[in-house]
Protein backbone atom coordinates (compact mmCIF):
# COMPACT_ATOMS: atom_id res chain seq x y z
CA UNK A 1 20.83 -48.45 16.73
CA UNK A 2 19.11 -45.37 15.30
CA UNK A 3 22.00 -44.85 12.86
CA UNK A 4 21.65 -48.44 11.60
CA UNK A 5 17.91 -48.03 11.04
CA UNK A 6 18.49 -44.69 9.31
CA UNK A 7 21.19 -46.26 7.12
CA UNK A 8 18.88 -49.16 6.18
CA UNK A 9 16.11 -46.69 5.36
CA UNK A 10 18.40 -44.69 3.03
CA UNK A 11 19.67 -47.85 1.34
CA UNK A 12 16.13 -49.11 0.72
CA UNK A 13 14.89 -45.69 -0.37
CA UNK A 14 17.91 -45.19 -2.66
CA UNK A 15 17.49 -48.60 -4.28
CA UNK A 16 13.77 -48.01 -4.87
CA UNK A 17 14.46 -44.61 -6.38
CA UNK A 18 16.96 -46.11 -8.82
CA UNK A 19 14.49 -48.85 -9.66
CA UNK A 20 11.76 -46.43 -10.71
CA UNK A 21 13.97 -44.06 -12.67
CA UNK A 22 13.02 -44.16 -16.32
CA UNK A 23 13.88 -42.77 -19.69
CA UNK A 24 11.93 -39.56 -19.01
CA UNK A 25 14.42 -38.73 -16.26
CA UNK A 26 17.10 -38.36 -18.96
CA UNK A 27 16.47 -35.47 -21.36
CA UNK A 28 19.02 -35.54 -24.17
CA UNK A 29 19.88 -33.53 -27.23
CA UNK A 30 19.32 -35.23 -30.53
CA UNK A 31 23.01 -35.17 -31.44
CA UNK A 32 23.72 -37.25 -28.30
CA UNK A 33 21.02 -39.82 -29.13
CA UNK A 34 21.45 -40.36 -32.88
CA UNK A 35 24.79 -42.24 -32.78
CA UNK A 36 23.33 -44.71 -30.24
CA UNK A 37 20.34 -45.79 -32.33
CA UNK A 38 20.63 -48.42 -35.05
CA UNK A 39 19.46 -47.73 -38.58
CA UNK A 40 16.40 -49.90 -39.11
CA UNK A 41 15.67 -51.94 -42.18
CA UNK A 42 12.43 -53.52 -43.37
CA UNK A 43 11.17 -56.25 -41.04
CA UNK A 44 8.35 -58.74 -40.59
CA UNK A 45 7.58 -60.16 -37.15
CA UNK A 46 4.79 -60.99 -34.68
CA UNK A 47 3.30 -58.46 -32.29
CA UNK A 48 1.26 -58.49 -29.11
CA UNK A 49 -0.63 -55.44 -27.94
CA UNK A 50 -2.21 -54.56 -24.60
CA UNK A 51 -4.34 -51.48 -24.12
CA UNK A 52 -5.31 -50.34 -20.64
CA UNK A 53 -7.89 -47.71 -19.88
CA UNK A 54 -7.81 -45.46 -16.83
CA UNK A 55 -10.01 -46.55 -13.93
CA UNK A 56 -10.57 -49.97 -15.47
CA UNK A 57 -9.31 -53.43 -14.63
CA UNK A 58 -9.91 -54.54 -18.21
CA UNK A 59 -6.95 -55.03 -20.53
CA UNK A 60 -7.72 -55.19 -24.25
CA UNK A 61 -5.37 -57.66 -25.93
CA UNK A 62 -4.65 -58.26 -29.58
CA UNK A 63 -1.91 -59.90 -31.61
CA UNK A 64 -0.88 -60.71 -35.13
CA UNK A 65 1.69 -59.94 -37.80
CA UNK A 66 3.67 -56.72 -38.06
CA UNK A 67 5.42 -55.45 -41.15
CA UNK A 68 7.64 -52.41 -41.52
CA UNK A 69 8.55 -51.55 -45.09
CA UNK A 70 11.31 -48.96 -45.02
CA UNK A 71 10.33 -45.82 -46.87
CA UNK A 72 6.69 -46.90 -47.16
CA UNK A 73 5.20 -47.49 -43.73
CA UNK A 74 3.81 -49.90 -41.17
CA UNK A 75 1.15 -52.60 -41.45
CA UNK A 76 -0.48 -54.32 -38.48
CA UNK A 77 -2.36 -57.47 -39.52
CA UNK A 78 -4.35 -58.33 -36.40
CA UNK A 79 -5.29 -62.02 -36.17
CA UNK A 80 -6.58 -62.07 -32.56
CA UNK A 81 -9.26 -61.42 -31.31
CA UNK A 82 -10.60 -60.49 -34.74
CA UNK A 83 -8.93 -60.18 -38.11
CA UNK A 84 -8.22 -56.69 -39.36
CA UNK A 85 -5.48 -54.77 -41.12
CA UNK A 86 -4.28 -51.28 -40.22
CA UNK A 87 -1.85 -49.59 -42.58
CA UNK A 88 0.09 -46.57 -41.38
CA UNK A 89 1.31 -45.60 -44.84
CA UNK A 90 -1.78 -43.68 -45.87
CA UNK A 91 -2.37 -39.96 -45.54
CA UNK A 92 -4.85 -40.74 -42.74
CA UNK A 93 -1.94 -41.79 -40.49
CA UNK A 94 0.70 -39.53 -42.00
CA UNK A 95 2.01 -38.23 -38.67
CA UNK A 96 2.64 -41.73 -37.28
CA UNK A 97 4.27 -42.76 -40.54
CA UNK A 98 6.49 -39.64 -40.49
CA UNK A 99 7.70 -40.44 -36.96
CA UNK A 100 8.54 -44.05 -37.81
CA UNK A 101 10.29 -43.14 -41.06
CA UNK A 102 12.26 -40.37 -39.37
CA UNK A 103 13.52 -42.72 -36.67
CA UNK A 104 14.25 -45.59 -39.06
CA UNK A 105 16.22 -43.33 -41.44
CA UNK A 106 17.90 -41.29 -38.69
CA UNK A 107 16.35 -38.20 -40.29
CA UNK A 108 15.00 -36.44 -37.23
CA UNK A 109 14.32 -32.97 -38.66
CA UNK A 110 10.54 -33.37 -38.90
CA UNK A 111 10.08 -34.77 -35.42
CA UNK A 112 12.67 -32.57 -33.70
CA UNK A 113 10.34 -29.59 -34.10
CA UNK A 114 7.44 -31.50 -32.50
CA UNK A 115 9.01 -33.58 -29.70
CA UNK A 116 11.43 -33.29 -26.81
CA UNK A 117 13.82 -36.26 -26.68
CA UNK A 118 14.83 -38.50 -23.80
CA UNK A 119 17.28 -41.37 -23.94
CA UNK A 120 18.74 -44.10 -21.76
CA UNK A 121 21.12 -46.93 -22.62
CA UNK A 122 22.13 -49.86 -20.44
CA UNK A 123 24.49 -52.29 -22.17
CA UNK A 124 23.10 -52.89 -25.66
CA UNK A 125 19.51 -52.04 -24.66
CA UNK A 126 18.40 -48.51 -25.47
CA UNK A 127 15.20 -46.61 -24.69
CA UNK A 128 14.07 -43.53 -26.59
CA UNK A 129 11.38 -41.28 -25.15
CA UNK A 130 9.40 -38.71 -27.10
CA UNK A 131 7.24 -36.08 -25.42
CA UNK A 132 5.30 -33.60 -27.57
CA UNK A 133 6.21 -29.98 -27.07
CA UNK A 134 3.35 -28.21 -25.29
CA UNK A 135 2.86 -25.75 -28.15
CA UNK A 136 2.25 -28.49 -30.73
CA UNK A 137 -1.15 -29.86 -31.75
CA UNK A 138 -0.17 -33.45 -30.97
CA UNK A 139 0.29 -32.52 -27.27
CA UNK A 140 -3.49 -32.23 -26.94
CA UNK A 141 -3.93 -35.99 -27.25
CA UNK A 142 -0.48 -37.61 -26.87
CA UNK A 143 1.42 -37.63 -23.59
CA UNK A 144 4.46 -39.72 -24.55
CA UNK A 145 5.97 -42.44 -26.71
CA UNK A 146 8.57 -44.82 -25.34
CA UNK A 147 10.52 -47.01 -27.78
CA UNK A 148 12.86 -49.76 -26.60
CA UNK A 149 15.20 -52.10 -28.41
CA UNK A 150 18.64 -53.48 -29.12
CA UNK A 151 19.19 -53.97 -32.87
CA UNK A 152 15.50 -53.58 -33.68
CA UNK A 153 12.55 -52.16 -31.78
CA UNK A 154 11.32 -54.74 -29.26
CA UNK A 155 8.71 -52.69 -27.40
CA UNK A 156 6.74 -49.49 -27.83
CA UNK A 157 4.57 -47.79 -25.22
CA UNK A 158 2.18 -45.00 -26.19
CA UNK A 159 0.45 -42.97 -23.48
CA UNK A 160 -2.33 -40.54 -24.33
CA UNK A 161 -3.35 -37.45 -22.38
CA UNK A 162 -6.42 -39.30 -21.08
CA UNK A 163 -4.10 -41.99 -19.61
CA UNK A 164 -4.85 -44.76 -22.10
CA UNK A 165 -1.68 -46.86 -22.34
CA UNK A 166 -0.95 -49.00 -25.40
CA UNK A 167 1.95 -51.43 -25.02
CA UNK A 168 3.16 -53.21 -28.15
CA UNK A 169 5.79 -55.97 -28.05
CA UNK A 170 7.51 -57.22 -31.19
CA UNK A 171 8.86 -60.77 -31.56
């Protein structure tokens, strides 16, 4: 009887452990990741964003139109809850633009010096994780970036050092 209970415990514990394993459990070298990522082209689509703050039950939601212009940058045209436009192709957001352009062009040199890479692939779905190296300036405010997709990016999760989580889904 004890052996059966122990076996059930290990099965349940093992299944739960597999269920919570994530991309950050899989550090990879860039040369292993690059062949598994598609080359992205310009795209226009809808987005939904949720931002959660630590110690708060409030979720800030927004949505609108997303545009990625290869070689130029990203534009978020928020239509809900208020209208605004944020362009990540200016010098003000140069670092974000550099990351996106590096990934879209499979030219990882600039970001390889700043981030450690993590990668997981199940079927056609891939997940890329970026964690700033502790010695880099970005590590003071950014904890991680998680990018998920198949042919294009479908979801991006950005976690800051103060535990603010921004989840963006693309449709």
